[in-house]
Amino acid sequence: MAEYEPEVVWDKRNSTIELTFRLFAENQQQFVIDDVDGTETAEEIIEFEDGVLFYWPGKSRFAEADYVKTIPFDGKKGLPQNVVVGILNYLAEVLANGQSDLLDFLTDEKAEIFELHWDEDKFQQAVAATPTTLIPYPSF
């Protein structure tokens, strides 16, 4: 996933682990694009950022719409390994398709919005393909 510039942020106070990633594409036709905050840009290189959030239900605070996927974990017990492996395996597909879709978006004058697409069935298949063991929540 290195070509997608990933970053992992552990927010101890909010009991979350955020996996963010950035996609980049060349805006060859210099289309003016509005970002999520309404800021217009015609930059030559467009950067798109999204993420997956692992959270502790009842403790973590976040806006679900800010992430392509949110995944709860069971407190200090953590998260089943098959969910982590399933996320990483399926996320590679989501990012590859997203990169292609972003390039298409930048060449289609009629396209109004770009976003990553998450297929819950495909994700669950990726999870089911891996044995289950728990990865405990980090301690410090």
Protein backbone atom coordinates (compact mmCIF):
# COMPACT_ATOMS: atom_id res chain seq x y z
CA MET A 1 0.00 0.00 0.00
CA ALA A 2 3.03 2.30 0.02
CA GLU A 3 1.99 3.87 -3.30
CA TYR A 4 -1.11 5.19 -1.53
CA GLU A 5 0.81 6.95 1.23
CA PRO A 6 -0.77 5.36 4.32
CA GLU A 7 -0.54 6.69 7.86
CA VAL A 8 -1.58 5.13 11.17
CA VAL A 9 -2.62 7.42 14.03
CA TRP A 10 -3.35 6.03 17.48
CA ASP A 11 -5.44 8.46 19.53
CA LYS A 12 -5.12 7.13 23.09
CA ARG A 13 -7.51 9.68 24.58
CA ASN A 14 -10.27 8.89 22.09
CA SER A 15 -9.53 5.14 22.00
CA THR A 16 -9.25 5.06 18.21
CA ILE A 17 -6.78 3.89 15.63
CA GLU A 18 -7.07 5.66 12.31
CA LEU A 19 -5.61 4.28 9.09
CA THR A 20 -5.55 7.12 6.59
CA PHE A 21 -4.35 7.00 3.02
CA ARG A 22 -3.85 9.49 0.23
CA LEU A 23 -4.42 9.00 -3.47
CA PHE A 24 -2.74 11.32 -5.95
CA ALA A 25 -3.65 12.04 -9.56
CA GLU A 26 -2.54 14.48 -12.19
CA ASN A 27 -5.14 17.08 -13.13
CA GLN A 28 -3.89 17.36 -16.71
CA GLN A 29 -6.83 19.41 -17.93
CA GLN A 30 -6.56 21.78 -14.95
CA PHE A 31 -10.24 21.34 -14.02
CA VAL A 32 -11.34 23.48 -11.09
CA ILE A 33 -12.31 21.07 -8.32
CA ASP A 34 -14.11 21.75 -5.04
CA ASP A 35 -12.77 19.81 -2.07
CA VAL A 36 -14.87 18.53 0.82
CA ASP A 37 -14.60 21.91 2.55
CA GLY A 38 -15.75 23.81 -0.56
CA THR A 39 -12.28 25.13 -1.39
CA GLU A 40 -11.68 25.40 -5.14
CA THR A 41 -8.43 24.27 -6.69
CA ALA A 42 -7.01 23.72 -10.15
CA GLU A 43 -3.74 22.28 -8.88
CA GLU A 44 -1.76 20.08 -11.23
CA ILE A 45 -1.66 17.25 -8.68
CA ILE A 46 -4.88 16.39 -6.85
CA GLU A 47 -4.65 14.71 -3.45
CA PHE A 48 -7.57 12.71 -2.05
CA GLU A 49 -7.52 11.54 1.57
CA ASP A 50 -9.78 9.04 3.30
CA GLY A 51 -9.46 6.50 6.06
CA VAL A 52 -10.62 3.54 8.08
CA LEU A 53 -11.29 4.08 11.78
CA PHE A 54 -11.05 1.39 14.45
CA TYR A 55 -12.99 2.55 17.51
CA TRP A 56 -14.08 1.50 21.00
CA PRO A 57 -17.91 1.73 21.14
CA GLY A 58 -19.13 3.92 23.97
CA LYS A 59 -15.72 5.60 24.44
CA SER A 60 -14.69 6.89 21.02
CA ARG A 61 -16.17 10.03 19.48
CA PHE A 62 -16.08 10.60 15.72
CA ALA A 63 -18.16 11.44 12.65
CA GLU A 64 -18.79 8.22 10.74
CA ALA A 65 -19.20 10.14 7.46
CA ASP A 66 -15.52 11.16 7.69
CA TYR A 67 -14.36 7.59 6.94
CA VAL A 68 -14.81 5.09 4.14
CA LYS A 69 -15.30 2.44 6.87
CA THR A 70 -15.53 2.39 10.67
CA ILE A 71 -14.84 -0.81 12.61
CA PRO A 72 -15.63 -1.34 16.29
CA PHE A 73 -13.29 -3.29 18.55
CA ASP A 74 -13.98 -4.98 21.86
CA GLY A 75 -12.22 -2.71 24.35
CA LYS A 76 -8.91 -4.00 25.65
CA LYS A 77 -9.60 -7.42 24.09
CA GLY A 78 -9.00 -5.74 20.77
CA LEU A 79 -9.91 -6.87 17.29
CA PRO A 80 -9.94 -10.28 15.61
CA GLN A 81 -6.89 -10.75 13.40
CA ASN A 82 -9.06 -11.88 10.49
CA VAL A 83 -10.77 -8.46 10.52
CA VAL A 84 -7.39 -6.69 10.34
CA VAL A 85 -6.14 -8.98 7.56
CA GLY A 86 -9.50 -8.68 5.76
CA ILE A 87 -9.31 -4.87 5.96
CA LEU A 88 -5.78 -4.78 4.55
CA ASN A 89 -6.55 -7.27 1.78
CA TYR A 90 -9.81 -5.63 0.72
CA LEU A 91 -8.44 -2.10 1.18
CA ALA A 92 -5.79 -2.83 -1.46
CA GLU A 93 -8.64 -3.48 -3.92
CA VAL A 94 -10.59 -0.38 -2.80
CA LEU A 95 -7.51 1.81 -3.26
CA ALA A 96 -6.60 0.36 -6.67
CA ASN A 97 -10.17 0.93 -7.88
CA GLY A 98 -10.19 4.35 -6.22
CA GLN A 99 -7.01 5.39 -8.00
CA SER A 100 -8.53 4.39 -11.34
CA ASP A 101 -11.81 6.13 -10.50
CA LEU A 102 -9.95 9.30 -9.47
CA LEU A 103 -8.16 9.39 -12.82
CA ASP A 104 -11.50 8.88 -14.60
CA PHE A 105 -13.05 11.65 -12.49
CA LEU A 106 -10.32 14.07 -13.57
CA THR A 107 -10.93 13.40 -17.26
CA ASP A 108 -14.75 13.43 -17.21
CA GLU A 109 -16.19 16.95 -17.36
CA LYS A 110 -19.62 15.64 -16.33
CA ALA A 111 -18.43 13.87 -13.16
CA GLU A 112 -19.62 15.82 -10.14
CA ILE A 113 -18.26 13.85 -7.20
CA PHE A 114 -15.46 11.44 -6.40
CA GLU A 115 -15.49 9.06 -3.47
CA LEU A 116 -14.14 5.64 -2.62
CA HIS A 117 -16.56 2.73 -2.81
CA TRP A 118 -16.71 0.15 -0.03
CA ASP A 119 -18.53 -3.14 -0.72
CA GLU A 120 -19.47 -4.68 2.63
CA ASP A 121 -20.03 -8.14 1.09
CA LYS A 122 -16.53 -8.20 -0.43
CA PHE A 123 -15.06 -7.03 2.86
CA GLN A 124 -16.88 -9.79 4.79
CA GLN A 125 -15.58 -12.36 2.27
CA ALA A 126 -12.03 -11.12 2.87
CA VAL A 127 -12.56 -11.40 6.65
CA ALA A 128 -14.01 -14.91 6.35
CA ALA A 129 -10.97 -16.10 4.36
CA THR A 130 -8.63 -15.66 7.38
CA PRO A 131 -8.52 -17.60 10.69
CA THR A 132 -9.61 -15.76 13.84
CA THR A 133 -7.30 -14.74 16.70
CA LEU A 134 -7.47 -11.54 18.72
CA ILE A 135 -5.04 -8.64 18.34
CA PRO A 136 -5.24 -6.80 21.69
CA TYR A 137 -5.69 -3.06 21.91
CA PRO A 138 -2.26 -1.43 22.42
CA SER A 139 -1.21 -0.45 25.90
CA PHE A 140 1.23 2.25 26.90
